[in-house]
Amino acid sequence: MHILPFYFLLFTFYFAMRIIPIKLPTPFPVGPVNVYLIAEEPLTLIDTGPKMKEAIETLRDGLRKNGFLFSDIRRIVLTHAHEDHCGLAKKIRDEAKDAEILVHAWETGHKIGRLEYDEHRRLLIRAGVPEKNLAMMRRMYEGVRAFADALEDHEHAELNDEEELEFENGTLRVLHTPGHTPGSCSFLREADRTVIAGDCVLKRITPNPVLSPDPIDPSKRFPSLAEYRVSLARIRSFAPTLVHGGHGESVNDYEELFNRNIRAIQERQNIVLSLISKTGSTAWEIGLKLFPEEGRDNVHSFLVTSEAVAHLDLAHSEGKTGVEIKDGVEVYRRQ
């Protein structure tokens, strides 16, 4: 028997951080969301699920099965501020007697009084979205917002890249992994190279590079797809043994998933370039060609536009397209 590996395994068994996944229902097409209970002091919940009765009951039941109540939670950490991930943060915080909430500064979906929709509207107009579709997107957006309680500034604190979240038996290292949203974060347990990645890493689907204002200059778009590729590579650099995602199963072979996602991005990039007409196309027009049915659906049209914009932005940054502004709308042409 090799003594060193034996004691390493023994140490890992007895002192491994208890990461407990809890699957919660959502009202969204993506299906259930995974939240993660770190059963160490301070008791921590990574993501919360949406604000809906079924999610609250399922979360309570998941905590109870592991010997905990809402009131035991001391820290709530958000991978990003979409409603299916942050919706219950305020309710849990209040019930847990002011549990700490941590989220990256570049996230806005959890805030009161944000200008997110107006900023998005300007970006959607530039993408060529017609006025009637903008109105439908706004109604959808207002409906989605019902699944999260907004937080005042004093009710949350900032997550910082490379910060260490300390626990009784180890730490989680904060990795800023933008792409799906500007402030998306993942969490690395270096002792066994386990990662909790939110929607940055999903086993069965590639995350949508959501159209977002740039956090530094909101008049510009955030380069979501370019940043997403960097984030995938950053996670890869840690050679993770297990990656827990925000939806679906965990990933045991990250190298395979990394190569598959990079290949999928390139394949879609080629399709997007092939859809640009000789006279030029807007992102909205490309989105309808890329997803003809989903693009006209109220629920999916924003995500379809986000996908088209992200690929056109990436192509432009790589010199594959030119762009000109016509009546406030960006028109792309192949180079």
Protein backbone atom coordinates (compact mmCIF):
# COMPACT_ATOMS: atom_id res chain seq x y z
CA MET A 1 0.00 0.00 0.00
CA HIS A 2 1.22 3.49 -0.82
CA ILE A 3 1.06 5.38 2.48
CA LEU A 4 0.75 8.92 1.09
CA PRO A 5 -2.25 8.27 -1.22
CA PHE A 6 -3.95 6.28 1.56
CA TYR A 7 -3.69 9.13 4.07
CA PHE A 8 -4.70 11.66 1.43
CA LEU A 9 -7.88 9.69 0.73
CA LEU A 10 -8.53 9.29 4.45
CA PHE A 11 -8.08 13.02 5.00
CA THR A 12 -10.36 13.85 2.06
CA PHE A 13 -13.05 11.48 3.36
CA TYR A 14 -13.14 12.90 6.88
CA PHE A 15 -12.60 16.56 6.07
CA ALA A 16 -14.35 16.92 2.72
CA MET A 17 -16.62 19.93 2.45
CA ARG A 18 -20.27 18.83 2.44
CA ILE A 19 -21.77 20.24 -0.76
CA ILE A 20 -25.41 19.20 -0.96
CA PRO A 21 -27.34 19.87 -4.20
CA ILE A 22 -31.05 20.68 -3.90
CA LYS A 23 -33.16 20.75 -7.07
CA LEU A 24 -35.96 23.34 -7.10
CA PRO A 25 -38.82 23.87 -9.56
CA THR A 26 -38.98 27.01 -11.71
CA PRO A 27 -41.65 28.44 -14.02
CA PHE A 28 -39.10 28.86 -16.82
CA PRO A 29 -38.48 26.71 -19.94
CA VAL A 30 -34.98 25.78 -18.68
CA GLY A 31 -36.62 23.60 -16.02
CA PRO A 32 -35.48 22.98 -12.41
CA VAL A 33 -32.60 24.95 -10.91
CA ASN A 34 -29.86 23.50 -8.72
CA VAL A 35 -28.97 25.31 -5.51
CA TYR A 36 -26.16 24.14 -3.23
CA LEU A 37 -26.12 23.89 0.54
CA ILE A 38 -22.63 24.07 2.04
CA ALA A 39 -23.24 22.16 5.27
CA GLU A 40 -20.34 23.78 7.14
CA GLU A 41 -20.12 26.69 9.52
CA PRO A 42 -21.18 29.28 8.52
CA LEU A 43 -24.09 27.44 6.89
CA THR A 44 -24.18 28.75 3.33
CA LEU A 45 -26.64 28.50 0.44
CA ILE A 46 -25.32 29.08 -3.08
CA ASP A 47 -28.29 30.39 -5.11
CA THR A 48 -31.85 30.30 -3.85
CA GLY A 49 -34.35 29.45 -6.58
CA PRO A 50 -37.26 31.63 -7.76
CA LYS A 51 -39.85 33.31 -5.54
CA MET A 52 -42.70 30.85 -5.92
CA LYS A 53 -44.54 28.66 -3.43
CA GLU A 54 -43.38 25.35 -4.90
CA ALA A 55 -39.71 26.39 -4.77
CA ILE A 56 -39.98 27.62 -1.18
CA GLU A 57 -41.62 24.36 -0.04
CA THR A 58 -39.09 22.21 -1.90
CA LEU A 59 -36.17 24.18 -0.45
CA ARG A 60 -37.56 23.92 3.09
CA ASP A 61 -37.96 20.20 2.62
CA GLY A 62 -34.42 19.83 1.27
CA LEU A 63 -32.99 21.72 4.23
CA ARG A 64 -35.09 19.77 6.71
CA LYS A 65 -33.91 16.41 5.30
CA ASN A 66 -30.37 17.51 6.05
CA GLY A 67 -31.19 18.74 9.56
CA PHE A 68 -31.49 22.49 8.89
CA LEU A 69 -34.05 25.30 8.77
CA PHE A 70 -34.10 28.63 6.93
CA SER A 71 -33.21 30.27 10.25
CA ASP A 72 -29.91 28.31 10.35
CA ILE A 73 -28.58 29.87 7.14
CA ARG A 74 -25.89 32.46 7.81
CA ARG A 75 -24.71 33.26 4.28
CA ILE A 76 -26.36 33.40 0.84
CA VAL A 77 -24.03 33.50 -2.16
CA LEU A 78 -25.36 34.19 -5.67
CA THR A 79 -23.70 32.87 -8.82
CA HIS A 80 -25.66 35.54 -10.72
CA ALA A 81 -28.82 37.59 -10.38
CA HIS A 82 -31.34 35.90 -12.65
CA GLU A 83 -34.67 35.22 -11.01
CA ASP A 84 -34.33 31.43 -10.95
CA HIS A 85 -31.09 31.85 -8.98
CA CYS A 86 -31.72 34.87 -6.73
CA GLY A 87 -35.50 35.07 -6.34
CA LEU A 88 -35.71 33.89 -2.74
CA ALA A 89 -32.62 35.68 -1.43
CA LYS A 90 -34.52 38.40 0.42
CA LYS A 91 -37.08 36.03 1.94
CA ILE A 92 -34.37 33.67 3.21
CA ARG A 93 -32.29 36.60 4.48
CA ASP A 94 -35.22 37.98 6.46
CA GLU A 95 -36.27 34.61 7.86
CA ALA A 96 -32.68 33.78 8.78
CA LYS A 97 -32.39 37.02 10.77
CA ASP A 98 -30.24 39.01 8.35
CA ALA A 99 -28.10 36.31 6.78
CA GLU A 100 -25.35 37.86 4.66
CA ILE A 101 -26.02 38.05 0.89
CA LEU A 102 -23.04 38.17 -1.46
CA VAL A 103 -23.17 38.94 -5.22
CA HIS A 104 -20.73 40.38 -7.74
CA ALA A 105 -20.90 44.15 -8.28
CA TRP A 106 -21.51 43.71 -12.02
CA GLU A 107 -24.87 42.04 -11.40
CA THR A 108 -28.00 44.21 -11.40
CA GLY A 109 -30.99 41.84 -11.48
CA HIS A 110 -31.35 41.80 -7.70
CA LYS A 111 -31.39 45.59 -7.18
CA ILE A 112 -34.17 48.05 -6.42
CA GLY A 113 -34.46 51.05 -8.70
CA ARG A 114 -32.11 49.77 -11.38
CA LEU A 115 -32.36 51.09 -14.95
CA GLU A 116 -31.79 47.69 -16.45
CA TYR A 117 -34.83 47.65 -18.74
CA ASP A 118 -34.22 51.12 -20.20
CA GLU A 119 -30.58 50.21 -20.86
CA HIS A 120 -31.62 46.93 -22.46
CA ARG A 121 -34.23 48.73 -24.55
CA ARG A 122 -31.57 50.96 -26.12
CA LEU A 123 -29.44 47.92 -26.93
CA LEU A 124 -32.43 46.06 -28.41
CA ILE A 125 -33.28 49.03 -30.64
CA ARG A 126 -29.69 49.00 -31.93
CA ALA A 127 -30.14 45.29 -32.63
CA GLY A 128 -33.10 46.09 -34.90
CA VAL A 129 -35.93 44.78 -32.70
CA PRO A 130 -39.27 46.26 -33.93
CA GLU A 131 -41.31 48.41 -31.55
CA LYS A 132 -44.15 45.88 -31.21
CA ASN A 133 -41.66 43.19 -30.19
CA LEU A 134 -40.03 45.56 -27.71
CA ALA A 135 -43.43 46.02 -26.08
CA MET A 136 -43.91 42.24 -25.86
CA MET A 137 -40.44 41.82 -24.36
CA ARG A 138 -41.21 44.45 -21.76
CA ARG A 139 -44.42 42.69 -20.71
CA MET A 140 -42.50 39.41 -20.46
CA TYR A 141 -39.73 41.11 -18.45
CA GLU A 142 -42.23 42.55 -15.96
CA GLY A 143 -43.78 39.10 -15.53
CA VAL A 144 -40.42 37.49 -14.88
CA ARG A 145 -39.54 40.12 -12.25
CA ALA A 146 -42.43 38.81 -10.13
CA PHE A 147 -40.28 35.76 -9.33
CA ALA A 148 -37.70 37.75 -7.33
CA ASP A 149 -37.78 40.26 -4.49
CA ALA A 150 -35.45 43.19 -5.10
CA LEU A 151 -32.77 44.04 -2.56
CA GLU A 152 -31.78 47.41 -1.15
CA ASP A 153 -28.08 48.28 -1.34
CA HIS A 154 -27.59 47.72 2.38
CA GLU A 155 -29.06 44.20 2.11
CA HIS A 156 -26.19 42.69 0.14
CA ALA A 157 -22.40 42.88 -0.10
CA GLU A 158 -19.97 42.42 -2.98
CA LEU A 159 -18.25 39.24 -4.11
CA ASN A 160 -14.73 39.86 -5.36
CA ASP A 161 -12.65 37.77 -7.74
CA GLU A 162 -10.05 35.61 -5.94
CA GLU A 163 -11.76 36.21 -2.58
CA GLU A 164 -11.79 33.24 -0.21
CA LEU A 165 -15.08 32.23 1.40
CA GLU A 166 -14.03 30.59 4.66
CA PHE A 167 -15.72 27.57 6.22
CA GLU A 168 -15.02 25.30 9.16
CA ASN A 169 -13.38 22.70 6.90
CA GLY A 170 -11.77 24.72 4.11
CA THR A 171 -12.51 27.53 1.73
CA LEU A 172 -14.20 28.27 -1.58
CA ARG A 173 -12.28 30.55 -3.92
CA VAL A 174 -14.36 33.06 -5.88
CA LEU A 175 -13.79 32.98 -9.64
CA HIS A 176 -15.34 35.78 -11.68
CA THR A 177 -16.58 33.89 -14.75
CA PRO A 178 -18.53 36.41 -16.87
CA GLY A 179 -20.36 35.50 -20.06
CA HIS A 180 -23.86 34.32 -19.26
CA THR A 181 -24.09 37.60 -17.30
CA PRO A 182 -21.39 40.22 -16.60
CA GLY A 183 -21.10 39.35 -12.90
CA SER A 184 -21.44 35.56 -13.04
CA CYS A 185 -19.21 33.83 -10.49
CA SER A 186 -18.03 30.28 -9.88
CA PHE A 187 -16.60 28.80 -6.68
CA LEU A 188 -13.57 26.52 -6.49
CA ARG A 189 -12.67 24.12 -3.69
CA GLU A 190 -8.98 23.73 -4.40
CA ALA A 191 -8.52 20.74 -2.06
CA ASP A 192 -10.31 18.42 -4.50
CA ARG A 193 -10.78 20.78 -7.51
CA THR A 194 -14.56 20.82 -7.21
CA VAL A 195 -16.28 23.81 -8.85
CA ILE A 196 -19.78 25.23 -8.36
CA ALA A 197 -20.31 27.13 -11.61
CA GLY A 198 -23.92 28.32 -11.77
CA ASP A 199 -24.96 28.75 -15.41
CA CYS A 200 -21.40 29.08 -16.68
CA VAL A 201 -21.18 25.29 -17.05
CA LEU A 202 -24.25 23.24 -18.02
CA LYS A 203 -23.93 19.61 -19.07
CA ARG A 204 -26.67 19.38 -21.70
CA ILE A 205 -26.89 22.90 -23.17
CA THR A 206 -24.65 25.87 -23.85
CA PRO A 207 -25.64 28.88 -21.72
CA ASN A 208 -27.23 31.85 -23.45
CA PRO A 209 -24.83 34.83 -23.67
CA VAL A 210 -27.48 37.22 -22.39
CA LEU A 211 -27.58 40.71 -23.92
CA SER A 212 -26.37 43.04 -21.17
CA PRO A 213 -25.18 46.64 -20.85
CA ASP A 214 -21.47 46.91 -20.13
CA PRO A 215 -21.07 47.46 -16.36
CA ILE A 216 -18.34 50.05 -16.94
CA ASP A 217 -20.08 51.93 -19.78
CA PRO A 218 -23.82 51.06 -19.94
CA SER A 219 -24.17 52.77 -23.33
CA LYS A 220 -22.16 49.87 -24.76
CA ARG A 221 -22.85 46.15 -24.92
CA PHE A 222 -21.03 43.70 -22.72
CA PRO A 223 -18.95 41.33 -24.96
CA SER A 224 -20.68 38.29 -23.52
CA LEU A 225 -19.54 35.53 -25.86
CA ALA A 226 -15.88 36.59 -25.93
CA GLU A 227 -15.88 36.76 -22.13
CA TYR A 228 -17.64 33.41 -21.91
CA ARG A 229 -14.87 31.68 -23.86
CA VAL A 230 -12.31 33.18 -21.50
CA SER A 231 -14.31 31.98 -18.49
CA LEU A 232 -14.50 28.43 -19.84
CA ALA A 233 -10.72 28.47 -20.33
CA ARG A 234 -10.17 29.85 -16.83
CA ILE A 235 -12.13 27.01 -15.24
CA ARG A 236 -10.21 24.56 -17.42
CA SER A 237 -6.91 25.90 -16.06
CA PHE A 238 -7.78 24.42 -12.64
CA ALA A 239 -8.30 20.91 -14.12
CA PRO A 240 -11.61 20.46 -12.25
CA THR A 241 -12.55 16.94 -11.18
CA LEU A 242 -16.24 17.77 -10.70
CA VAL A 243 -18.30 20.78 -11.81
CA HIS A 244 -21.75 21.46 -10.37
CA GLY A 245 -23.94 23.50 -12.72
CA GLY A 246 -27.04 25.60 -12.26
CA HIS A 247 -29.27 23.18 -14.18
CA GLY A 248 -29.09 19.48 -14.96
CA GLU A 249 -26.43 16.97 -13.92
CA SER A 250 -22.93 17.67 -12.68
CA VAL A 251 -19.98 17.37 -15.06
CA ASN A 252 -17.30 14.73 -14.42
CA ASP A 253 -15.35 15.22 -17.67
CA TYR A 254 -14.84 18.97 -17.98
CA GLU A 255 -12.24 18.63 -20.75
CA GLU A 256 -14.80 16.94 -23.00
CA LEU A 257 -17.43 19.58 -22.21
CA PHE A 258 -14.95 22.41 -22.76
CA ASN A 259 -14.04 21.14 -26.23
CA ARG A 260 -17.68 20.47 -27.09
CA ASN A 261 -18.73 24.01 -26.09
CA ILE A 262 -15.87 25.67 -27.98
CA ARG A 263 -16.74 23.59 -31.04
CA ALA A 264 -20.45 24.49 -30.71
CA ILE A 265 -19.63 28.20 -30.52
CA GLN A 266 -17.52 27.98 -33.69
CA GLU A 267 -20.19 26.01 -35.54
CA ARG A 268 -22.89 28.51 -34.65
CA GLN A 269 -20.56 31.37 -35.54
CA ASN A 270 -20.21 29.89 -39.04
CA ILE A 271 -23.99 29.56 -39.37
CA VAL A 272 -24.54 33.16 -38.25
CA LEU A 273 -22.02 34.43 -40.81
CA SER A 274 -23.73 32.42 -43.55
CA LEU A 275 -27.08 34.03 -42.69
CA ILE A 276 -25.89 37.61 -43.29
CA SER A 277 -27.48 38.80 -46.54
CA LYS A 278 -25.54 40.53 -49.32
CA THR A 279 -27.21 43.82 -48.45
CA GLY A 280 -26.51 43.41 -44.74
CA SER A 281 -28.52 42.12 -41.78
CA THR A 282 -29.47 43.21 -38.29
CA ALA A 283 -29.12 41.00 -35.24
CA TRP A 284 -32.92 40.73 -35.06
CA GLU A 285 -33.07 39.45 -38.65
CA ILE A 286 -30.28 36.94 -38.00
CA GLY A 287 -32.06 35.71 -34.87
CA LEU A 288 -35.27 35.01 -36.81
CA LYS A 289 -33.32 33.04 -39.40
CA LEU A 290 -31.37 31.17 -36.73
CA PHE A 291 -34.45 30.27 -34.66
CA PRO A 292 -37.52 30.93 -36.88
CA GLU A 293 -40.11 29.66 -34.38
CA GLU A 294 -38.52 30.68 -31.08
CA GLY A 295 -37.66 34.15 -32.39
CA ARG A 296 -41.34 35.03 -32.72
CA ASP A 297 -42.24 33.60 -29.32
CA ASN A 298 -42.65 36.14 -26.51
CA VAL A 299 -40.73 34.02 -24.03
CA HIS A 300 -37.76 33.23 -26.26
CA SER A 301 -37.40 36.30 -28.50
CA PHE A 302 -35.09 38.14 -26.09
CA LEU A 303 -32.81 35.10 -25.74
CA VAL A 304 -32.81 34.58 -29.51
CA THR A 305 -31.78 38.21 -30.03
CA SER A 306 -29.10 37.84 -27.32
CA GLU A 307 -27.65 34.82 -29.12
CA ALA A 308 -27.52 36.61 -32.48
CA VAL A 309 -26.01 39.80 -31.00
CA ALA A 310 -23.35 37.83 -29.12
CA HIS A 311 -22.18 35.97 -32.22
CA LEU A 312 -22.21 39.09 -34.38
CA ASP A 313 -20.21 40.98 -31.74
CA LEU A 314 -17.67 38.16 -31.59
CA ALA A 315 -17.41 38.00 -35.38
CA HIS A 316 -16.91 41.76 -35.56
CA SER A 317 -14.19 41.68 -32.88
CA GLU A 318 -12.37 39.06 -34.97
CA GLY A 319 -12.64 41.10 -38.18
CA LYS A 320 -15.13 38.75 -39.84
CA THR A 321 -17.89 41.37 -40.21
CA GLY A 322 -18.23 45.08 -40.73
CA VAL A 323 -20.99 47.13 -39.12
CA GLU A 324 -22.63 50.45 -39.91
CA ILE A 325 -25.38 52.37 -38.17
CA LYS A 326 -28.56 53.12 -40.15
CA ASP A 327 -31.26 55.12 -38.35
CA GLY A 328 -29.87 53.98 -35.00
CA VAL A 329 -29.76 50.30 -35.99
CA GLU A 330 -26.60 48.23 -36.52
CA VAL A 331 -26.36 46.53 -39.93
CA TYR A 332 -23.71 43.83 -40.35
CA ARG A 333 -21.95 42.77 -43.53
CA ARG A 334 -19.46 39.98 -44.12
CA GLN A 335 -15.90 41.11 -44.68
